[in-house]
Amino acid sequence: MMRTMITETPFEQRWILQGRLCGQWAVDLGRKWRETSNARQGRKCVVNLEDVVCVDREGEKVLQQILKEDVQVIVSRAYMKHVVDCLNTRDHEESHGHVDC
């Protein structure tokens, strides 16, 4: 199960993700992310991944989409730090070669 909470203020949009970023839940999150892109224009965006416990390929695709935007990611647990670091490295290396994590 995936829980998504979005808080909006005049200067910030904050996403809190909890649970499993897998399968249809990941697809749904990706759709919601795209649908709200206009609402992020000109505002700071913070994505909290502290309570994400599992990420599959679909989840990785959505996270790559999120990380390509100018967002502040909150992550401190080792598993999610590793996932985010690998996705950032993979995204950077795709234009310069290939890296596997």
PDB file of N, CA and C in Angstrom:
ATOM      1  N   MET A   1       0.840  -1.174   0.000  1.00  0.00           N
ATOM      2  CA  MET A   1       0.000   0.000   0.000  1.00  0.00           C
ATOM      3  C   MET A   1       0.888   1.241   0.000  1.00  0.00           C
ATOM      4  N   MET A   2       0.429   2.272  -0.677  1.00  0.00           N
ATOM      5  CA  MET A   2       1.147   3.537  -0.772  1.00  0.00           C
ATOM      6  C   MET A   2       0.234   4.652  -0.316  1.00  0.00           C
ATOM      7  N   ARG A   3       0.732   5.476   0.585  1.00  0.00           N
ATOM      8  CA  ARG A   3      -0.031   6.629   1.056  1.00  0.00           C
ATOM      9  C   ARG A   3       0.713   7.881   0.616  1.00  0.00           C
ATOM     10  N   THR A   4      -0.017   8.820   0.044  1.00  0.00           N
ATOM     11  CA  THR A   4       0.557  10.077  -0.424  1.00  0.00           C
ATOM     12  C   THR A   4      -0.210  11.229   0.198  1.00  0.00           C
ATOM     13  N   MET A   5       0.523  12.108   0.869  1.00  0.00           N
ATOM     14  CA  MET A   5      -0.083  13.305   1.439  1.00  0.00           C
ATOM     15  C   MET A   5       0.588  14.514   0.800  1.00  0.00           C
ATOM     16  N   ILE A   6      -0.217  15.442   0.317  1.00  0.00           N
ATOM     17  CA  ILE A   6       0.299  16.645  -0.321  1.00  0.00           C
ATOM     18  C   ILE A   6      -0.199  17.846   0.472  1.00  0.00           C
ATOM     19  N   THR A   7       0.748  18.666   0.894  1.00  0.00           N
ATOM     20  CA  THR A   7       0.424  19.890   1.617  1.00  0.00           C
ATOM     21  C   THR A   7       0.868  21.062   0.759  1.00  0.00           C
ATOM     22  N   GLU A   8      -0.002  22.038   0.616  1.00  0.00           N
ATOM     23  CA  GLU A   8       0.320  23.187  -0.221  1.00  0.00           C
ATOM     24  C   GLU A   8       0.209  24.474   0.572  1.00  0.00           C
ATOM     25  N   THR A   9       1.208  25.333   0.387  1.00  0.00           N
ATOM     26  CA  THR A   9       1.188  26.692   0.918  1.00  0.00           C
ATOM     27  C   THR A   9       1.482  27.611  -0.264  1.00  0.00           C
ATOM     28  N   PRO A  10       1.376  28.903  -0.089  1.00  0.00           N
ATOM     29  CA  PRO A  10       1.662  29.803  -1.221  1.00  0.00           C
ATOM     30  C   PRO A  10       3.084  29.663  -1.775  1.00  0.00           C
ATOM     31  N   PHE A  11       4.021  29.198  -0.930  1.00  0.00           N
ATOM     32  CA  PHE A  11       5.416  29.145  -1.362  1.00  0.00           C
ATOM     33  C   PHE A  11       5.980  27.734  -1.483  1.00  0.00           C
ATOM     34  N   GLU A  12       5.190  26.719  -1.115  1.00  0.00           N
ATOM     35  CA  GLU A  12       5.746  25.361  -1.090  1.00  0.00           C
ATOM     36  C   GLU A  12       4.679  24.311  -1.354  1.00  0.00           C
ATOM     37  N   GLN A  13       5.111  23.239  -2.025  1.00  0.00           N
ATOM     38  CA  GLN A  13       4.296  22.036  -2.154  1.00  0.00           C
ATOM     39  C   GLN A  13       5.117  20.913  -1.520  1.00  0.00           C
ATOM     40  N   ARG A  14       4.530  20.227  -0.552  1.00  0.00           N
ATOM     41  CA  ARG A  14       5.249  19.184   0.183  1.00  0.00           C
ATOM     42  C   ARG A  14       4.526  17.852   0.013  1.00  0.00           C
ATOM     43  N   TRP A  15       5.291  16.842  -0.416  1.00  0.00           N
ATOM     44  CA  TRP A  15       4.773  15.493  -0.604  1.00  0.00           C
ATOM     45  C   TRP A  15       5.368  14.597   0.477  1.00  0.00           C
ATOM     46  N   ILE A  16       4.522  13.823   1.131  1.00  0.00           N
ATOM     47  CA  ILE A  16       4.980  12.812   2.077  1.00  0.00           C
ATOM     48  C   ILE A  16       4.511  11.471   1.554  1.00  0.00           C
ATOM     49  N   LEU A  17       5.470  10.606   1.266  1.00  0.00           N
ATOM     50  CA  LEU A  17       5.170   9.278   0.728  1.00  0.00           C
ATOM     51  C   LEU A  17       5.435   8.233   1.799  1.00  0.00           C
ATOM     52  N   GLN A  18       4.513   7.284   1.924  1.00  0.00           N
ATOM     53  CA  GLN A  18       4.642   6.233   2.929  1.00  0.00           C
ATOM     54  C   GLN A  18       4.243   4.897   2.326  1.00  0.00           C
ATOM     55  N   GLY A  19       5.021   3.867   2.630  1.00  0.00           N
ATOM     56  CA  GLY A  19       4.651   2.520   2.215  1.00  0.00           C
ATOM     57  C   GLY A  19       5.463   2.001   1.050  1.00  0.00           C
ATOM     58  N   ARG A  20       4.802   1.237   0.195  1.00  0.00           N
ATOM     59  CA  ARG A  20       5.450   0.531  -0.902  1.00  0.00           C
ATOM     60  C   ARG A  20       5.230   1.278  -2.215  1.00  0.00           C
ATOM     61  N   LEU A  21       6.321   1.741  -2.797  1.00  0.00           N
ATOM     62  CA  LEU A  21       6.259   2.441  -4.080  1.00  0.00           C
ATOM     63  C   LEU A  21       6.444   1.392  -5.176  1.00  0.00           C
ATOM     64  N   CYS A  22       5.381   0.626  -5.399  1.00  0.00           N
ATOM     65  CA  CYS A  22       5.451  -0.542  -6.283  1.00  0.00           C
ATOM     66  C   CYS A  22       4.185  -0.641  -7.136  1.00  0.00           C
ATOM     67  N   GLY A  23       4.350  -1.262  -8.304  1.00  0.00           N
ATOM     68  CA  GLY A  23       3.222  -1.611  -9.151  1.00  0.00           C
ATOM     69  C   GLY A  23       2.270  -0.472  -9.440  1.00  0.00           C
ATOM     70  N   GLN A  24       0.989  -0.753  -9.285  1.00  0.00           N
ATOM     71  CA  GLN A  24      -0.046   0.227  -9.590  1.00  0.00           C
ATOM     72  C   GLN A  24       0.039   1.458  -8.703  1.00  0.00           C
ATOM     73  N   TRP A  25       0.499   1.282  -7.461  1.00  0.00           N
ATOM     74  CA  TRP A  25       0.644   2.442  -6.573  1.00  0.00           C
ATOM     75  C   TRP A  25       1.665   3.418  -7.150  1.00  0.00           C
ATOM     76  N   ALA A  26       2.742   2.898  -7.721  1.00  0.00           N
ATOM     77  CA  ALA A  26       3.754   3.750  -8.348  1.00  0.00           C
ATOM     78  C   ALA A  26       3.180   4.439  -9.587  1.00  0.00           C
ATOM     79  N   VAL A  27       2.440   3.696 -10.386  1.00  0.00           N
ATOM     80  CA  VAL A  27       1.811   4.268 -11.583  1.00  0.00           C
ATOM     81  C   VAL A  27       0.873   5.407 -11.180  1.00  0.00           C
ATOM     82  N   ASP A  28       0.078   5.189 -10.145  1.00  0.00           N
ATOM     83  CA  ASP A  28      -0.855   6.217  -9.672  1.00  0.00           C
ATOM     84  C   ASP A  28      -0.112   7.451  -9.171  1.00  0.00           C
ATOM     85  N   LEU A  29       0.998   7.242  -8.456  1.00  0.00           N
ATOM     86  CA  LEU A  29       1.794   8.369  -7.981  1.00  0.00           C
ATOM     87  C   LEU A  29       2.370   9.155  -9.161  1.00  0.00           C
ATOM     88  N   GLY A  30       2.870   8.462 -10.166  1.00  0.00           N
ATOM     89  CA  GLY A  30       3.399   9.129 -11.353  1.00  0.00           C
ATOM     90  C   GLY A  30       2.347   9.976 -12.041  1.00  0.00           C
ATOM     91  N   ARG A  31       1.150   9.460 -12.137  1.00  0.00           N
ATOM     92  CA  ARG A  31       0.044  10.205 -12.741  1.00  0.00           C
ATOM     93  C   ARG A  31      -0.264  11.457 -11.919  1.00  0.00           C
ATOM     94  N   LYS A  32      -0.336  11.305 -10.606  1.00  0.00           N
ATOM     95  CA  LYS A  32      -0.621  12.438  -9.724  1.00  0.00           C
ATOM     96  C   LYS A  32       0.495  13.484  -9.817  1.00  0.00           C
ATOM     97  N   TRP A  33       1.745  13.028  -9.896  1.00  0.00           N
ATOM     98  CA  TRP A  33       2.882  13.937 -10.015  1.00  0.00           C
ATOM     99  C   TRP A  33       2.760  14.782 -11.288  1.00  0.00           C
ATOM    100  N   ARG A  34       2.431  14.132 -12.391  1.00  0.00           N
ATOM    101  CA  ARG A  34       2.283  14.862 -13.659  1.00  0.00           C
ATOM    102  C   ARG A  34       1.098  15.826 -13.611  1.00  0.00           C
ATOM    103  N   GLU A  35      -0.001  15.387 -13.025  1.00  0.00           N
ATOM    104  CA  GLU A  35      -1.204  16.224 -12.952  1.00  0.00           C
ATOM    105  C   GLU A  35      -0.987  17.487 -12.125  1.00  0.00           C
ATOM    106  N   THR A  36      -0.090  17.440 -11.168  1.00  0.00           N
ATOM    107  CA  THR A  36       0.122  18.582 -10.272  1.00  0.00           C
ATOM    108  C   THR A  36       1.337  19.419 -10.668  1.00  0.00           C
ATOM    109  N   SER A  37       1.906  19.161 -11.828  1.00  0.00           N
ATOM    110  CA  SER A  37       3.127  19.884 -12.213  1.00  0.00           C
ATOM    111  C   SER A  37       2.898  21.390 -12.307  1.00  0.00           C
ATOM    112  N   ASN A  38       1.774  21.818 -12.826  1.00  0.00           N
ATOM    113  CA  ASN A  38       1.504  23.258 -12.926  1.00  0.00           C
ATOM    114  C   ASN A  38       1.403  23.909 -11.549  1.00  0.00           C
ATOM    115  N   ALA A  39       0.905  23.185 -10.569  1.00  0.00           N
ATOM    116  CA  ALA A  39       0.768  23.726  -9.219  1.00  0.00           C
ATOM    117  C   ALA A  39       2.120  23.951  -8.552  1.00  0.00           C
ATOM    118  N   ARG A  40       3.169  23.279  -9.033  1.00  0.00           N
ATOM    119  CA  ARG A  40       4.509  23.453  -8.463  1.00  0.00           C
ATOM    120  C   ARG A  40       5.252  24.645  -9.063  1.00  0.00           C
ATOM    121  N   GLN A  41       4.788  25.173 -10.161  1.00  0.00           N
ATOM    122  CA  GLN A  41       5.489  26.256 -10.848  1.00  0.00           C
ATOM    123  C   GLN A  41       5.749  27.425  -9.903  1.00  0.00           C
ATOM    124  N   GLY A  42       7.023  27.795  -9.786  1.00  0.00           N
ATOM    125  CA  GLY A  42       7.395  28.955  -8.985  1.00  0.00           C
ATOM    126  C   GLY A  42       7.411  28.722  -7.488  1.00  0.00           C
ATOM    127  N   ARG A  43       7.199  27.485  -7.055  1.00  0.00           N
ATOM    128  CA  ARG A  43       7.210  27.191  -5.625  1.00  0.00           C
ATOM    129  C   ARG A  43       8.258  26.135  -5.331  1.00  0.00           C
ATOM    130  N   LYS A  44       8.726  26.149  -4.106  1.00  0.00           N
ATOM    131  CA  LYS A  44       9.634  25.112  -3.635  1.00  0.00           C
ATOM    132  C   LYS A  44       8.842  23.804  -3.531  1.00  0.00           C
ATOM    133  N   CYS A  45       9.481  22.692  -3.876  1.00  0.00           N
ATOM    134  CA  CYS A  45       8.827  21.383  -3.744  1.00  0.00           C
ATOM    135  C   CYS A  45       9.704  20.480  -2.887  1.00  0.00           C
ATOM    136  N   VAL A  46       9.108  19.887  -1.868  1.00  0.00           N
ATOM    137  CA  VAL A  46       9.799  18.987  -0.956  1.00  0.00           C
ATOM    138  C   VAL A  46       9.125  17.620  -1.053  1.00  0.00           C
ATOM    139  N   VAL A  47       9.933  16.573  -1.225  1.00  0.00           N
ATOM    140  CA  VAL A  47       9.406  15.212  -1.287  1.00  0.00           C
ATOM    141  C   VAL A  47      10.054  14.413  -0.158  1.00  0.00           C
ATOM    142  N   ASN A  48       9.231  13.975   0.789  1.00  0.00           N
ATOM    143  CA  ASN A  48       9.704  13.226   1.948  1.00  0.00           C
ATOM    144  C   ASN A  48       9.540  11.730   1.671  1.00  0.00           C
ATOM    145  N   LEU A  49      10.668  11.022   1.626  1.00  0.00           N
ATOM    146  CA  LEU A  49      10.676   9.576   1.343  1.00  0.00           C
ATOM    147  C   LEU A  49      11.010   8.753   2.586  1.00  0.00           C
ATOM    148  N   GLU A  50      10.961   9.382   3.756  1.00  0.00           N
ATOM    149  CA  GLU A  50      11.381   8.722   4.990  1.00  0.00           C
ATOM    150  C   GLU A  50      10.662   7.405   5.256  1.00  0.00           C
ATOM    151  N   ASP A  51       9.390   7.317   4.911  1.00  0.00           N
ATOM    152  CA  ASP A  51       8.602   6.135   5.251  1.00  0.00           C
ATOM    153  C   ASP A  51       8.307   5.241   4.055  1.00  0.00           C
ATOM    154  N   VAL A  52       9.094   5.372   2.983  1.00  0.00           N
ATOM    155  CA  VAL A  52       8.974   4.445   1.851  1.00  0.00           C
ATOM    156  C   VAL A  52       9.816   3.221   2.193  1.00  0.00           C
ATOM    157  N   VAL A  53       9.197   2.033   2.126  1.00  0.00           N
ATOM    158  CA  VAL A  53       9.878   0.821   2.578  1.00  0.00           C
ATOM    159  C   VAL A  53      10.302  -0.100   1.442  1.00  0.00           C
ATOM    160  N   CYS A  54       9.777   0.132   0.237  1.00  0.00           N
ATOM    161  CA  CYS A  54      10.068  -0.768  -0.877  1.00  0.00           C
ATOM    162  C   CYS A  54       9.844  -0.015  -2.185  1.00  0.00           C
ATOM    163  N   VAL A  55      10.741  -0.235  -3.157  1.00  0.00           N
ATOM    164  CA  VAL A  55      10.618   0.395  -4.468  1.00  0.00           C
ATOM    165  C   VAL A  55      10.894  -0.658  -5.537  1.00  0.00           C
ATOM    166  N   ASP A  56       9.972  -0.813  -6.502  1.00  0.00           N
ATOM    167  CA  ASP A  56      10.208  -1.716  -7.626  1.00  0.00           C
ATOM    168  C   ASP A  56      10.564  -0.896  -8.864  1.00  0.00           C
ATOM    169  N   ARG A  57      10.619  -1.541 -10.038  1.00  0.00           N
ATOM    170  CA  ARG A  57      10.979  -0.835 -11.283  1.00  0.00           C
ATOM    171  C   ARG A  57      10.043   0.328 -11.598  1.00  0.00           C
ATOM    172  N   GLU A  58       8.741   0.105 -11.421  1.00  0.00           N
ATOM    173  CA  GLU A  58       7.781   1.186 -11.658  1.00  0.00           C
ATOM    174  C   GLU A  58       8.038   2.345 -10.704  1.00  0.00           C
ATOM    175  N   GLY A  59       8.319   2.018  -9.455  1.00  0.00           N
ATOM    176  CA  GLY A  59       8.632   3.046  -8.471  1.00  0.00           C
ATOM    177  C   GLY A  59       9.897   3.807  -8.827  1.00  0.00           C
ATOM    178  N   GLU A  60      10.901   3.096  -9.335  1.00  0.00           N
ATOM    179  CA  GLU A  60      12.137   3.751  -9.762  1.00  0.00           C
ATOM    180  C   GLU A  60      11.867   4.737 -10.895  1.00  0.00           C
ATOM    181  N   LYS A  61      11.001   4.348 -11.828  1.00  0.00           N
ATOM    182  CA  LYS A  61      10.666   5.251 -12.939  1.00  0.00           C
ATOM    183  C   LYS A  61      10.039   6.540 -12.422  1.00  0.00           C
ATOM    184  N   VAL A  62       9.128   6.407 -11.459  1.00  0.00           N
ATOM    185  CA  VAL A  62       8.464   7.584 -10.901  1.00  0.00           C
ATOM    186  C   VAL A  62       9.473   8.437 -10.129  1.00  0.00           C
ATOM    187  N   LEU A  63      10.320   7.798  -9.345  1.00  0.00           N
ATOM    188  CA  LEU A  63      11.321   8.560  -8.601  1.00  0.00           C
ATOM    189  C   LEU A  63      12.275   9.290  -9.543  1.00  0.00           C
ATOM    190  N   GLN A  64      12.654   8.664 -10.656  1.00  0.00           N
ATOM    191  CA  GLN A  64      13.506   9.347 -11.630  1.00  0.00           C
ATOM    192  C   GLN A  64      12.806  10.583 -12.175  1.00  0.00           C
ATOM    193  N   GLN A  65      11.528  10.454 -12.459  1.00  0.00           N
ATOM    194  CA  GLN A  65      10.737  11.580 -12.951  1.00  0.00           C
ATOM    195  C   GLN A  65      10.735  12.709 -11.913  1.00  0.00           C
ATOM    196  N   ILE A  66      10.558  12.365 -10.652  1.00  0.00           N
ATOM    197  CA  ILE A  66      10.532  13.348  -9.571  1.00  0.00           C
ATOM    198  C   ILE A  66      11.898  13.996  -9.406  1.00  0.00           C
ATOM    199  N   LEU A  67      12.955  13.176  -9.417  1.00  0.00           N
ATOM    200  CA  LEU A  67      14.301  13.691  -9.176  1.00  0.00           C
ATOM    201  C   LEU A  67      14.804  14.590 -10.295  1.00  0.00           C
ATOM    202  N   LYS A  68      14.224  14.484 -11.491  1.00  0.00           N
ATOM    203  CA  LYS A  68      14.628  15.343 -12.606  1.00  0.00           C
ATOM    204  C   LYS A  68      14.184  16.785 -12.396  1.00  0.00           C
ATOM    205  N   GLU A  69      13.180  16.974 -11.545  1.00  0.00           N
ATOM    206  CA  GLU A  69      12.706  18.323 -11.250  1.00  0.00           C
ATOM    207  C   GLU A  69      13.520  18.883 -10.091  1.00  0.00           C
ATOM    208  N   ASP A  70      13.422  20.176  -9.906  1.00  0.00           N
ATOM    209  CA  ASP A  70      14.159  20.852  -8.846  1.00  0.00           C
ATOM    210  C   ASP A  70      13.424  20.671  -7.527  1.00  0.00           C
ATOM    211  N   VAL A  71      13.601  19.488  -6.910  1.00  0.00           N
ATOM    212  CA  VAL A  71      12.919  19.182  -5.653  1.00  0.00           C
ATOM    213  C   VAL A  71      13.938  18.956  -4.550  1.00  0.00           C
ATOM    214  N   GLN A  72      13.496  19.206  -3.334  1.00  0.00           N
ATOM    215  CA  GLN A  72      14.294  18.861  -2.167  1.00  0.00           C
ATOM    216  C   GLN A  72      13.785  17.502  -1.692  1.00  0.00           C
ATOM    217  N   VAL A  73      14.661  16.518  -1.630  1.00  0.00           N
ATOM    218  CA  VAL A  73      14.283  15.178  -1.205  1.00  0.00           C
ATOM    219  C   VAL A  73      14.740  14.980   0.235  1.00  0.00           C
ATOM    220  N   ILE A  74      13.823  14.507   1.064  1.00  0.00           N
ATOM    221  CA  ILE A  74      14.151  14.188   2.449  1.00  0.00           C
ATOM    222  C   ILE A  74      14.261  12.672   2.556  1.00  0.00           C
ATOM    223  N   VAL A  75      15.448  12.216   2.893  1.00  0.00           N
ATOM    224  CA  VAL A  75      15.691  10.785   3.033  1.00  0.00           C
ATOM    225  C   VAL A  75      16.896  10.583   3.955  1.00  0.00           C
ATOM    226  N   SER A  76      16.743   9.705   4.940  1.00  0.00           N
ATOM    227  CA  SER A  76      17.867   9.441   5.833  1.00  0.00           C
ATOM    228  C   SER A  76      18.108   7.942   6.041  1.00  0.00           C
ATOM    229  N   ARG A  77      17.091   7.125   5.820  1.00  0.00           N
ATOM    230  CA  ARG A  77      17.265   5.686   6.008  1.00  0.00           C
ATOM    231  C   ARG A  77      18.130   5.117   4.895  1.00  0.00           C
ATOM    232  N   ALA A  78      18.957   4.150   5.239  1.00  0.00           N
ATOM    233  CA  ALA A  78      19.964   3.613   4.325  1.00  0.00           C
ATOM    234  C   ALA A  78      19.367   3.081   3.024  1.00  0.00           C
ATOM    235  N   TYR A  79      18.272   2.347   3.103  1.00  0.00           N
ATOM    236  CA  TYR A  79      17.688   1.754   1.894  1.00  0.00           C
ATOM    237  C   TYR A  79      17.296   2.829   0.891  1.00  0.00           C
ATOM    238  N   MET A  80      16.529   3.821   1.342  1.00  0.00           N
ATOM    239  CA  MET A  80      16.068   4.851   0.416  1.00  0.00           C
ATOM    240  C   MET A  80      17.206   5.761  -0.027  1.00  0.00           C
ATOM    241  N   LYS A  81      18.187   5.996   0.832  1.00  0.00           N
ATOM    242  CA  LYS A  81      19.361   6.771   0.407  1.00  0.00           C
ATOM    243  C   LYS A  81      20.041   6.057  -0.758  1.00  0.00           C
ATOM    244  N   HIS A  82      20.174   4.745  -0.638  1.00  0.00           N
ATOM    245  CA  HIS A  82      20.800   3.952  -1.690  1.00  0.00           C
ATOM    246  C   HIS A  82      19.997   4.041  -2.986  1.00  0.00           C
ATOM    247  N   VAL A  83      18.693   3.895  -2.889  1.00  0.00           N
ATOM    248  CA  VAL A  83      17.836   3.969  -4.082  1.00  0.00           C
ATOM    249  C   VAL A  83      17.979   5.332  -4.751  1.00  0.00           C
ATOM    250  N   VAL A  84      17.878   6.401  -3.981  1.00  0.00           N
ATOM    251  CA  VAL A  84      17.967   7.756  -4.544  1.00  0.00           C
ATOM    252  C   VAL A  84      19.350   8.005  -5.133  1.00  0.00           C
ATOM    253  N   ASP A  85      20.403   7.580  -4.420  1.00  0.00           N
ATOM    254  CA  ASP A  85      21.767   7.755  -4.943  1.00  0.00           C
ATOM    255  C   ASP A  85      21.954   7.016  -6.256  1.00  0.00           C
ATOM    256  N   CYS A  86      21.451   5.797  -6.337  1.00  0.00           N
ATOM    257  CA  CYS A  86      21.572   5.012  -7.576  1.00  0.00           C
ATOM    258  C   CYS A  86      20.811   5.678  -8.721  1.00  0.00           C
ATOM    259  N   LEU A  87      19.624   6.173  -8.442  1.00  0.00           N
ATOM    260  CA  LEU A  87      18.838   6.828  -9.485  1.00  0.00           C
ATOM    261  C   LEU A  87      19.500   8.121  -9.948  1.00  0.00           C
ATOM    262  N   ASN A  88      20.047   8.886  -9.017  1.00  0.00           N
ATOM    263  CA  ASN A  88      20.760  10.106  -9.390  1.00  0.00           C
ATOM    264  C   ASN A  88      21.991   9.787 -10.228  1.00  0.00           C
ATOM    265  N   THR A  89      22.729   8.758  -9.834  1.00  0.00           N
ATOM    266  CA  THR A  89      23.917   8.350 -10.574  1.00  0.00           C
ATOM    267  C   THR A  89      23.528   7.832 -11.952  1.00  0.00           C
ATOM    268  N   ARG A  90      22.496   7.000 -11.989  1.00  0.00           N
ATOM    269  CA  ARG A  90      22.037   6.432 -13.261  1.00  0.00           C
ATOM    270  C   ARG A  90      21.592   7.535 -14.213  1.00  0.00           C
ATOM    271  N   ASP A  91      20.837   8.505 -13.696  1.00  0.00           N
ATOM    272  CA  ASP A  91      20.358   9.605 -14.527  1.00  0.00           C
ATOM    273  C   ASP A  91      21.532  10.420 -15.059  1.00  0.00           C
ATOM    274  N   HIS A  92      22.507  10.691 -14.210  1.00  0.00           N
ATOM    275  CA  HIS A  92      23.677  11.460 -14.625  1.00  0.00           C
ATOM    276  C   HIS A  92      24.513  10.688 -15.644  1.00  0.00           C
ATOM    277  N   GLU A  93      24.656   9.408 -15.426  1.00  0.00           N
ATOM    278  CA  GLU A  93      25.523   8.597 -16.284  1.00  0.00           C
ATOM    279  C   GLU A  93      24.878   8.218 -17.610  1.00  0.00           C
ATOM    280  N   GLU A  94      23.542   8.286 -17.710  1.00  0.00           N
ATOM    281  CA  GLU A  94      22.883   7.911 -18.970  1.00  0.00           C
ATOM    282  C   GLU A  94      23.376   8.752 -20.136  1.00  0.00           C
ATOM    283  N   SER A  95      23.734   9.994 -19.864  1.00  0.00           N
ATOM    284  CA  SER A  95      24.223  10.842 -20.952  1.00  0.00           C
ATOM    285  C   SER A  95      25.726  10.687 -21.152  1.00  0.00           C
ATOM    286  N   HIS A  96      26.404   9.994 -20.223  1.00  0.00           N
ATOM    287  CA  HIS A  96      27.850   9.837 -20.323  1.00  0.00           C
ATOM    288  C   HIS A  96      28.300   8.383 -20.356  1.00  0.00           C
ATOM    289  N   GLY A  97      27.419   7.464 -20.300  1.00  0.00           N
ATOM    290  CA  GLY A  97      27.760   6.052 -20.214  1.00  0.00           C
ATOM    291  C   GLY A  97      26.718   5.355 -19.357  1.00  0.00           C
ATOM    292  N   HIS A  98      27.040   4.166 -18.828  1.00  0.00           N
ATOM    293  CA  HIS A  98      26.074   3.430 -18.028  1.00  0.00           C
ATOM    294  C   HIS A  98      26.690   2.987 -16.711  1.00  0.00           C
ATOM    295  N   VAL A  99      25.915   3.089 -15.642  1.00  0.00           N
ATOM    296  CA  VAL A  99      26.342   2.661 -14.312  1.00  0.00           C
ATOM    297  C   VAL A  99      25.270   1.756 -13.751  1.00  0.00           C
ATOM    298  N   ASP A 100      25.679   0.659 -13.124  1.00  0.00           N
ATOM    299  CA  ASP A 100      24.733  -0.222 -12.444  1.00  0.00           C
ATOM    300  C   ASP A 100      24.930  -0.086 -10.949  1.00  0.00           C
ATOM    301  N   CYS A 101      23.829  -0.020 -10.213  1.00  0.00           N
ATOM    302  CA  CYS A 101      23.904  -0.006  -8.749  1.00  0.00           C
ATOM    303  C   CYS A 101      23.448  -1.338  -8.225  1.00  0.00           C
TER     304      CYS A 101
END
